[in-house]
Amino acid sequence: PDDGPPAAGQAEETLHAGDVLLLRTGGPAPGQDEADTVRRLLSLAPRFDTARGARECLRAVVAESGGSGHADGLGVLVARVLP
């Protein structure tokens, strides 16, 4: 078994006015692997585009993850780039 630190990476992306950034900690949603979780989060993009605020985006993430919003170890940051 590998007891080293988890894999990490770095990337750079330019964000523009109106873009939404979502950062999520924790593992896959219950009953899903990581790839499924990523696909489901990406499928929420149209809802984020029309959301009135970060709280609405967060509610969509929690609902899509099948959770109640009180999951242990889950952290979500949602930010929209303003003009």
PDB file of N, CA and C in Angstrom:
ATOM      1  N   PRO A   1       0.827  -1.202   0.000  1.00  0.00           N
ATOM      2  CA  PRO A   1       0.000   0.000   0.000  1.00  0.00           C
ATOM      3  C   PRO A   1       0.864   1.255   0.000  1.00  0.00           C
ATOM      4  N   ASP A   2       0.405   2.255  -0.696  1.00  0.00           N
ATOM      5  CA  ASP A   2       1.103   3.534  -0.771  1.00  0.00           C
ATOM      6  C   ASP A   2       0.595   4.435   0.340  1.00  0.00           C
ATOM      7  N   ASP A   3       1.487   4.776   1.272  1.00  0.00           N
ATOM      8  CA  ASP A   3       1.097   5.630   2.397  1.00  0.00           C
ATOM      9  C   ASP A   3       1.468   7.085   2.161  1.00  0.00           C
ATOM     10  N   GLY A   4       1.867   7.419   0.937  1.00  0.00           N
ATOM     11  CA  GLY A   4       2.255   8.788   0.624  1.00  0.00           C
ATOM     12  C   GLY A   4       1.051   9.705   0.530  1.00  0.00           C
ATOM     13  N   PRO A   5       1.312  10.983   0.317  1.00  0.00           N
ATOM     14  CA  PRO A   5       0.204  11.947   0.210  1.00  0.00           C
ATOM     15  C   PRO A   5      -0.627  11.677  -1.037  1.00  0.00           C
ATOM     16  N   PRO A   6      -1.882  12.099  -1.017  1.00  0.00           N
ATOM     17  CA  PRO A   6      -2.721  11.912  -2.207  1.00  0.00           C
ATOM     18  C   PRO A   6      -2.160  12.699  -3.385  1.00  0.00           C
ATOM     19  N   ALA A   7      -2.502  12.261  -4.571  1.00  0.00           N
ATOM     20  CA  ALA A   7      -2.034  12.943  -5.777  1.00  0.00           C
ATOM     21  C   ALA A   7      -2.549  14.377  -5.798  1.00  0.00           C
ATOM     22  N   ALA A   8      -1.724  15.256  -6.265  1.00  0.00           N
ATOM     23  CA  ALA A   8      -2.112  16.663  -6.362  1.00  0.00           C
ATOM     24  C   ALA A   8      -1.729  17.166  -7.740  1.00  0.00           C
ATOM     25  N   GLY A   9      -2.379  18.206  -8.151  1.00  0.00           N
ATOM     26  CA  GLY A   9      -2.069  18.783  -9.446  1.00  0.00           C
ATOM     27  C   GLY A   9      -2.249  20.281  -9.402  1.00  0.00           C
ATOM     28  N   GLN A  10      -1.860  20.907 -10.459  1.00  0.00           N
ATOM     29  CA  GLN A  10      -1.994  22.353 -10.552  1.00  0.00           C
ATOM     30  C   GLN A  10      -2.373  22.698 -11.980  1.00  0.00           C
ATOM     31  N   ALA A  11      -3.250  23.653 -12.113  1.00  0.00           N
ATOM     32  CA  ALA A  11      -3.667  24.105 -13.437  1.00  0.00           C
ATOM     33  C   ALA A  11      -3.969  25.591 -13.362  1.00  0.00           C
ATOM     34  N   GLU A  12      -3.956  26.226 -14.499  1.00  0.00           N
ATOM     35  CA  GLU A  12      -4.292  27.646 -14.562  1.00  0.00           C
ATOM     36  C   GLU A  12      -5.391  27.825 -15.596  1.00  0.00           C
ATOM     37  N   GLU A  13      -6.396  28.584 -15.232  1.00  0.00           N
ATOM     38  CA  GLU A  13      -7.530  28.831 -16.119  1.00  0.00           C
ATOM     39  C   GLU A  13      -7.942  30.288 -15.951  1.00  0.00           C
ATOM     40  N   THR A  14      -8.232  30.960 -17.025  1.00  0.00           N
ATOM     41  CA  THR A  14      -8.696  32.342 -16.961  1.00  0.00           C
ATOM     42  C   THR A  14     -10.212  32.346 -16.824  1.00  0.00           C
ATOM     43  N   LEU A  15     -10.704  33.026 -15.804  1.00  0.00           N
ATOM     44  CA  LEU A  15     -12.143  33.149 -15.592  1.00  0.00           C
ATOM     45  C   LEU A  15     -12.605  34.505 -16.097  1.00  0.00           C
ATOM     46  N   HIS A  16     -13.830  34.530 -16.589  1.00  0.00           N
ATOM     47  CA  HIS A  16     -14.397  35.753 -17.151  1.00  0.00           C
ATOM     48  C   HIS A  16     -15.659  36.130 -16.390  1.00  0.00           C
ATOM     49  N   ALA A  17     -16.077  37.379 -16.539  1.00  0.00           N
ATOM     50  CA  ALA A  17     -17.294  37.858 -15.876  1.00  0.00           C
ATOM     51  C   ALA A  17     -18.449  36.901 -16.164  1.00  0.00           C
ATOM     52  N   GLY A  18     -19.138  36.512 -15.101  1.00  0.00           N
ATOM     53  CA  GLY A  18     -20.269  35.602 -15.218  1.00  0.00           C
ATOM     54  C   GLY A  18     -19.915  34.146 -15.000  1.00  0.00           C
ATOM     55  N   ASP A  19     -18.626  33.790 -15.079  1.00  0.00           N
ATOM     56  CA  ASP A  19     -18.220  32.404 -14.837  1.00  0.00           C
ATOM     57  C   ASP A  19     -18.491  32.028 -13.387  1.00  0.00           C
ATOM     58  N   VAL A  20     -18.779  30.754 -13.177  1.00  0.00           N
ATOM     59  CA  VAL A  20     -19.001  30.226 -11.836  1.00  0.00           C
ATOM     60  C   VAL A  20     -17.898  29.222 -11.538  1.00  0.00           C
ATOM     61  N   LEU A  21     -17.288  29.365 -10.370  1.00  0.00           N
ATOM     62  CA  LEU A  21     -16.253  28.451  -9.904  1.00  0.00           C
ATOM     63  C   LEU A  21     -16.829  27.635  -8.765  1.00  0.00           C
ATOM     64  N   LEU A  22     -16.720  26.306  -8.858  1.00  0.00           N
ATOM     65  CA  LEU A  22     -17.198  25.427  -7.801  1.00  0.00           C
ATOM     66  C   LEU A  22     -16.035  24.567  -7.349  1.00  0.00           C
ATOM     67  N   LEU A  23     -15.727  24.627  -6.068  1.00  0.00           N
ATOM     68  CA  LEU A  23     -14.705  23.771  -5.471  1.00  0.00           C
ATOM     69  C   LEU A  23     -15.400  22.866  -4.466  1.00  0.00           C
ATOM     70  N   ARG A  24     -15.078  21.577  -4.511  1.00  0.00           N
ATOM     71  CA  ARG A  24     -15.730  20.603  -3.630  1.00  0.00           C
ATOM     72  C   ARG A  24     -14.668  19.712  -3.021  1.00  0.00           C
ATOM     73  N   THR A  25     -14.753  19.509  -1.724  1.00  0.00           N
ATOM     74  CA  THR A  25     -13.862  18.576  -1.046  1.00  0.00           C
ATOM     75  C   THR A  25     -14.641  17.308  -0.734  1.00  0.00           C
ATOM     76  N   GLY A  26     -13.940  16.314  -0.299  1.00  0.00           N
ATOM     77  CA  GLY A  26     -14.588  15.054   0.051  1.00  0.00           C
ATOM     78  C   GLY A  26     -14.511  14.086  -1.110  1.00  0.00           C
ATOM     79  N   GLY A  27     -14.918  12.890  -0.859  1.00  0.00           N
ATOM     80  CA  GLY A  27     -14.860  11.845  -1.876  1.00  0.00           C
ATOM     81  C   GLY A  27     -16.082  11.859  -2.764  1.00  0.00           C
ATOM     82  N   PRO A  28     -16.262  10.772  -3.501  1.00  0.00           N
ATOM     83  CA  PRO A  28     -17.428  10.671  -4.381  1.00  0.00           C
ATOM     84  C   PRO A  28     -18.727  10.679  -3.589  1.00  0.00           C
ATOM     85  N   ALA A  29     -19.802  11.044  -4.258  1.00  0.00           N
ATOM     86  CA  ALA A  29     -21.121  10.984  -3.627  1.00  0.00           C
ATOM     87  C   ALA A  29     -21.439   9.526  -3.313  1.00  0.00           C
ATOM     88  N   PRO A  30     -22.269   9.280  -2.302  1.00  0.00           N
ATOM     89  CA  PRO A  30     -22.607   7.902  -1.941  1.00  0.00           C
ATOM     90  C   PRO A  30     -23.125   7.117  -3.143  1.00  0.00           C
ATOM     91  N   GLY A  31     -22.577   5.922  -3.337  1.00  0.00           N
ATOM     92  CA  GLY A  31     -23.012   5.052  -4.420  1.00  0.00           C
ATOM     93  C   GLY A  31     -22.438   5.406  -5.780  1.00  0.00           C
ATOM     94  N   GLN A  32     -21.470   6.330  -5.835  1.00  0.00           N
ATOM     95  CA  GLN A  32     -20.878   6.743  -7.112  1.00  0.00           C
ATOM     96  C   GLN A  32     -19.365   6.656  -7.024  1.00  0.00           C
ATOM     97  N   ASP A  33     -18.732   6.513  -8.181  1.00  0.00           N
ATOM     98  CA  ASP A  33     -17.284   6.659  -8.196  1.00  0.00           C
ATOM     99  C   ASP A  33     -16.965   8.127  -8.510  1.00  0.00           C
ATOM    100  N   GLU A  34     -15.701   8.473  -8.454  1.00  0.00           N
ATOM    101  CA  GLU A  34     -15.303   9.878  -8.631  1.00  0.00           C
ATOM    102  C   GLU A  34     -15.711  10.416 -10.006  1.00  0.00           C
ATOM    103  N   ALA A  35     -15.557   9.608 -11.056  1.00  0.00           N
ATOM    104  CA  ALA A  35     -15.918  10.063 -12.408  1.00  0.00           C
ATOM    105  C   ALA A  35     -17.409  10.373 -12.501  1.00  0.00           C
ATOM    106  N   ASP A  36     -18.252   9.533 -11.881  1.00  0.00           N
ATOM    107  CA  ASP A  36     -19.698   9.789 -11.882  1.00  0.00           C
ATOM    108  C   ASP A  36     -20.017  11.083 -11.145  1.00  0.00           C
ATOM    109  N   THR A  37     -19.356  11.286 -10.017  1.00  0.00           N
ATOM    110  CA  THR A  37     -19.588  12.498  -9.236  1.00  0.00           C
ATOM    111  C   THR A  37     -19.224  13.737 -10.053  1.00  0.00           C
ATOM    112  N   VAL A  38     -18.087  13.704 -10.733  1.00  0.00           N
ATOM    113  CA  VAL A  38     -17.666  14.845 -11.556  1.00  0.00           C
ATOM    114  C   VAL A  38     -18.669  15.090 -12.679  1.00  0.00           C
ATOM    115  N   ARG A  39     -19.106  14.027 -13.360  1.00  0.00           N
ATOM    116  CA  ARG A  39     -20.088  14.187 -14.446  1.00  0.00           C
ATOM    117  C   ARG A  39     -21.378  14.818 -13.931  1.00  0.00           C
ATOM    118  N   ARG A  40     -21.831  14.374 -12.772  1.00  0.00           N
ATOM    119  CA  ARG A  40     -23.080  14.911 -12.224  1.00  0.00           C
ATOM    120  C   ARG A  40     -22.923  16.381 -11.847  1.00  0.00           C
ATOM    121  N   LEU A  41     -21.774  16.739 -11.280  1.00  0.00           N
ATOM    122  CA  LEU A  41     -21.548  18.148 -10.940  1.00  0.00           C
ATOM    123  C   LEU A  41     -21.475  19.005 -12.205  1.00  0.00           C
ATOM    124  N   LEU A  42     -20.800  18.516 -13.235  1.00  0.00           N
ATOM    125  CA  LEU A  42     -20.722  19.273 -14.487  1.00  0.00           C
ATOM    126  C   LEU A  42     -22.090  19.427 -15.135  1.00  0.00           C
ATOM    127  N   SER A  43     -22.963  18.457 -14.939  1.00  0.00           N
ATOM    128  CA  SER A  43     -24.308  18.550 -15.528  1.00  0.00           C
ATOM    129  C   SER A  43     -25.136  19.664 -14.890  1.00  0.00           C
ATOM    130  N   LEU A  44     -24.678  20.174 -13.749  1.00  0.00           N
ATOM    131  CA  LEU A  44     -25.386  21.259 -13.069  1.00  0.00           C
ATOM    132  C   LEU A  44     -25.060  22.634 -13.654  1.00  0.00           C
ATOM    133  N   ALA A  45     -24.103  22.714 -14.554  1.00  0.00           N
ATOM    134  CA  ALA A  45     -23.655  24.011 -15.087  1.00  0.00           C
ATOM    135  C   ALA A  45     -24.798  24.890 -15.583  1.00  0.00           C
ATOM    136  N   PRO A  46     -25.772  24.366 -16.339  1.00  0.00           N
ATOM    137  CA  PRO A  46     -26.864  25.247 -16.782  1.00  0.00           C
ATOM    138  C   PRO A  46     -27.656  25.840 -15.616  1.00  0.00           C
ATOM    139  N   ARG A  47     -27.797  25.089 -14.532  1.00  0.00           N
ATOM    140  CA  ARG A  47     -28.511  25.616 -13.357  1.00  0.00           C
ATOM    141  C   ARG A  47     -27.693  26.700 -12.675  1.00  0.00           C
ATOM    142  N   PHE A  48     -26.370  26.531 -12.643  1.00  0.00           N
ATOM    143  CA  PHE A  48     -25.520  27.558 -12.043  1.00  0.00           C
ATOM    144  C   PHE A  48     -25.603  28.845 -12.852  1.00  0.00           C
ATOM    145  N   ASP A  49     -25.711  28.707 -14.164  1.00  0.00           N
ATOM    146  CA  ASP A  49     -25.753  29.871 -15.050  1.00  0.00           C
ATOM    147  C   ASP A  49     -26.966  30.751 -14.763  1.00  0.00           C
ATOM    148  N   THR A  50     -28.079  30.138 -14.362  1.00  0.00           N
ATOM    149  CA  THR A  50     -29.307  30.898 -14.102  1.00  0.00           C
ATOM    150  C   THR A  50     -29.573  31.107 -12.611  1.00  0.00           C
ATOM    151  N   ALA A  51     -28.692  30.600 -11.764  1.00  0.00           N
ATOM    152  CA  ALA A  51     -28.892  30.725 -10.317  1.00  0.00           C
ATOM    153  C   ALA A  51     -28.824  32.186  -9.889  1.00  0.00           C
ATOM    154  N   ARG A  52     -29.618  32.521  -8.875  1.00  0.00           N
ATOM    155  CA  ARG A  52     -29.642  33.897  -8.370  1.00  0.00           C
ATOM    156  C   ARG A  52     -28.520  34.163  -7.383  1.00  0.00           C
ATOM    157  N   GLY A  53     -27.845  33.118  -6.930  1.00  0.00           N
ATOM    158  CA  GLY A  53     -26.761  33.315  -5.986  1.00  0.00           C
ATOM    159  C   GLY A  53     -26.081  32.008  -5.633  1.00  0.00           C
ATOM    160  N   ALA A  54     -25.030  32.117  -4.820  1.00  0.00           N
ATOM    161  CA  ALA A  54     -24.250  30.945  -4.428  1.00  0.00           C
ATOM    162  C   ALA A  54     -25.087  29.941  -3.641  1.00  0.00           C
ATOM    163  N   ARG A  55     -25.999  30.426  -2.818  1.00  0.00           N
ATOM    164  CA  ARG A  55     -26.828  29.520  -2.017  1.00  0.00           C
ATOM    165  C   ARG A  55     -27.664  28.604  -2.909  1.00  0.00           C
ATOM    166  N   GLU A  56     -28.196  29.146  -3.994  1.00  0.00           N
ATOM    167  CA  GLU A  56     -28.976  28.336  -4.933  1.00  0.00           C
ATOM    168  C   GLU A  56     -28.083  27.277  -5.601  1.00  0.00           C
ATOM    169  N   CYS A  57     -26.853  27.651  -5.938  1.00  0.00           N
ATOM    170  CA  CYS A  57     -25.902  26.686  -6.504  1.00  0.00           C
ATOM    171  C   CYS A  57     -25.586  25.590  -5.494  1.00  0.00           C
ATOM    172  N   LEU A  58     -25.364  25.982  -4.257  1.00  0.00           N
ATOM    173  CA  LEU A  58     -25.060  25.016  -3.206  1.00  0.00           C
ATOM    174  C   LEU A  58     -26.208  24.036  -3.015  1.00  0.00           C
ATOM    175  N   ARG A  59     -27.422  24.541  -3.008  1.00  0.00           N
ATOM    176  CA  ARG A  59     -28.580  23.650  -2.864  1.00  0.00           C
ATOM    177  C   ARG A  59     -28.635  22.638  -4.002  1.00  0.00           C
ATOM    178  N   ALA A  60     -28.309  23.068  -5.209  1.00  0.00           N
ATOM    179  CA  ALA A  60     -28.300  22.151  -6.358  1.00  0.00           C
ATOM    180  C   ALA A  60     -27.234  21.071  -6.180  1.00  0.00           C
ATOM    181  N   VAL A  61     -26.056  21.450  -5.685  1.00  0.00           N
ATOM    182  CA  VAL A  61     -24.982  20.473  -5.451  1.00  0.00           C
ATOM    183  C   VAL A  61     -25.414  19.455  -4.405  1.00  0.00           C
ATOM    184  N   VAL A  62     -25.988  19.929  -3.312  1.00  0.00           N
ATOM    185  CA  VAL A  62     -26.425  19.026  -2.238  1.00  0.00           C
ATOM    186  C   VAL A  62     -27.504  18.082  -2.748  1.00  0.00           C
ATOM    187  N   ALA A  63     -28.475  18.613  -3.479  1.00  0.00           N
ATOM    188  CA  ALA A  63     -29.556  17.773  -4.005  1.00  0.00           C
ATOM    189  C   ALA A  63     -29.009  16.733  -4.977  1.00  0.00           C
ATOM    190  N   GLU A  64     -28.093  17.130  -5.846  1.00  0.00           N
ATOM    191  CA  GLU A  64     -27.524  16.203  -6.834  1.00  0.00           C
ATOM    192  C   GLU A  64     -26.662  15.144  -6.165  1.00  0.00           C
ATOM    193  N   SER A  65     -26.061  15.488  -5.026  1.00  0.00           N
ATOM    194  CA  SER A  65     -25.222  14.537  -4.299  1.00  0.00           C
ATOM    195  C   SER A  65     -26.049  13.578  -3.463  1.00  0.00           C
ATOM    196  N   GLY A  66     -27.356  13.796  -3.428  1.00  0.00           N
ATOM    197  CA  GLY A  66     -28.227  12.908  -2.667  1.00  0.00           C
ATOM    198  C   GLY A  66     -28.127  13.116  -1.171  1.00  0.00           C
ATOM    199  N   GLY A  67     -27.610  14.260  -0.773  1.00  0.00           N
ATOM    200  CA  GLY A  67     -27.407  14.514   0.642  1.00  0.00           C
ATOM    201  C   GLY A  67     -28.410  15.482   1.219  1.00  0.00           C
ATOM    202  N   SER A  68     -28.275  15.657   2.514  1.00  0.00           N
ATOM    203  CA  SER A  68     -29.154  16.569   3.232  1.00  0.00           C
ATOM    204  C   SER A  68     -28.493  17.923   3.452  1.00  0.00           C
ATOM    205  N   GLY A  69     -27.218  18.018   3.081  1.00  0.00           N
ATOM    206  CA  GLY A  69     -26.489  19.254   3.330  1.00  0.00           C
ATOM    207  C   GLY A  69     -25.702  19.207   4.615  1.00  0.00           C
ATOM    208  N   HIS A  70     -25.774  18.085   5.316  1.00  0.00           N
ATOM    209  CA  HIS A  70     -25.072  17.949   6.587  1.00  0.00           C
ATOM    210  C   HIS A  70     -24.071  16.803   6.537  1.00  0.00           C
ATOM    211  N   ALA A  71     -23.513  16.529   5.357  1.00  0.00           N
ATOM    212  CA  ALA A  71     -22.575  15.419   5.197  1.00  0.00           C
ATOM    213  C   ALA A  71     -21.258  15.724   5.903  1.00  0.00           C
ATOM    214  N   ASP A  72     -20.715  14.724   6.570  1.00  0.00           N
ATOM    215  CA  ASP A  72     -19.419  14.876   7.223  1.00  0.00           C
ATOM    216  C   ASP A  72     -18.323  14.988   6.174  1.00  0.00           C
ATOM    217  N   GLY A  73     -17.438  15.935   6.352  1.00  0.00           N
ATOM    218  CA  GLY A  73     -16.281  16.059   5.491  1.00  0.00           C
ATOM    219  C   GLY A  73     -16.539  16.684   4.136  1.00  0.00           C
ATOM    220  N   LEU A  74     -17.727  17.172   3.885  1.00  0.00           N
ATOM    221  CA  LEU A  74     -18.028  17.779   2.589  1.00  0.00           C
ATOM    222  C   LEU A  74     -17.906  19.290   2.712  1.00  0.00           C
ATOM    223  N   GLY A  75     -17.110  19.863   1.842  1.00  0.00           N
ATOM    224  CA  GLY A  75     -16.980  21.311   1.792  1.00  0.00           C
ATOM    225  C   GLY A  75     -17.210  21.782   0.371  1.00  0.00           C
ATOM    226  N   VAL A  76     -17.972  22.844   0.206  1.00  0.00           N
ATOM    227  CA  VAL A  76     -18.269  23.375  -1.126  1.00  0.00           C
ATOM    228  C   VAL A  76     -18.064  24.883  -1.099  1.00  0.00           C
ATOM    229  N   LEU A  77     -17.361  25.388  -2.106  1.00  0.00           N
ATOM    230  CA  LEU A  77     -17.208  26.824  -2.282  1.00  0.00           C
ATOM    231  C   LEU A  77     -17.730  27.158  -3.673  1.00  0.00           C
ATOM    232  N   VAL A  78     -18.642  28.111  -3.741  1.00  0.00           N
ATOM    233  CA  VAL A  78     -19.208  28.553  -5.017  1.00  0.00           C
ATOM    234  C   VAL A  78     -18.941  30.049  -5.147  1.00  0.00           C
ATOM    235  N   ALA A  79     -18.372  30.455  -6.275  1.00  0.00           N
ATOM    236  CA  ALA A  79     -18.097  31.875  -6.508  1.00  0.00           C
ATOM    237  C   ALA A  79     -18.412  32.225  -7.955  1.00  0.00           C
ATOM    238  N   ARG A  80     -19.035  33.379  -8.159  1.00  0.00           N
ATOM    239  CA  ARG A  80     -19.300  33.877  -9.515  1.00  0.00           C
ATOM    240  C   ARG A  80     -18.389  35.084  -9.745  1.00  0.00           C
ATOM    241  N   VAL A  81     -17.758  35.125 -10.901  1.00  0.00           N
ATOM    242  CA  VAL A  81     -16.877  36.233 -11.255  1.00  0.00           C
ATOM    243  C   VAL A  81     -17.740  37.412 -11.689  1.00  0.00           C
ATOM    244  N   LEU A  82     -17.554  38.532 -11.021  1.00  0.00           N
ATOM    245  CA  LEU A  82     -18.328  39.738 -11.329  1.00  0.00           C
ATOM    246  C   LEU A  82     -17.599  40.589 -12.360  1.00  0.00           C
ATOM    247  N   PRO A  83     -18.368  41.395 -13.104  1.00  0.00           N
ATOM    248  CA  PRO A  83     -17.725  42.272 -14.108  1.00  0.00           C
ATOM    249  C   PRO A  83     -16.894  43.355 -13.447  1.00  0.00           C
TER     250      PRO A  83
END
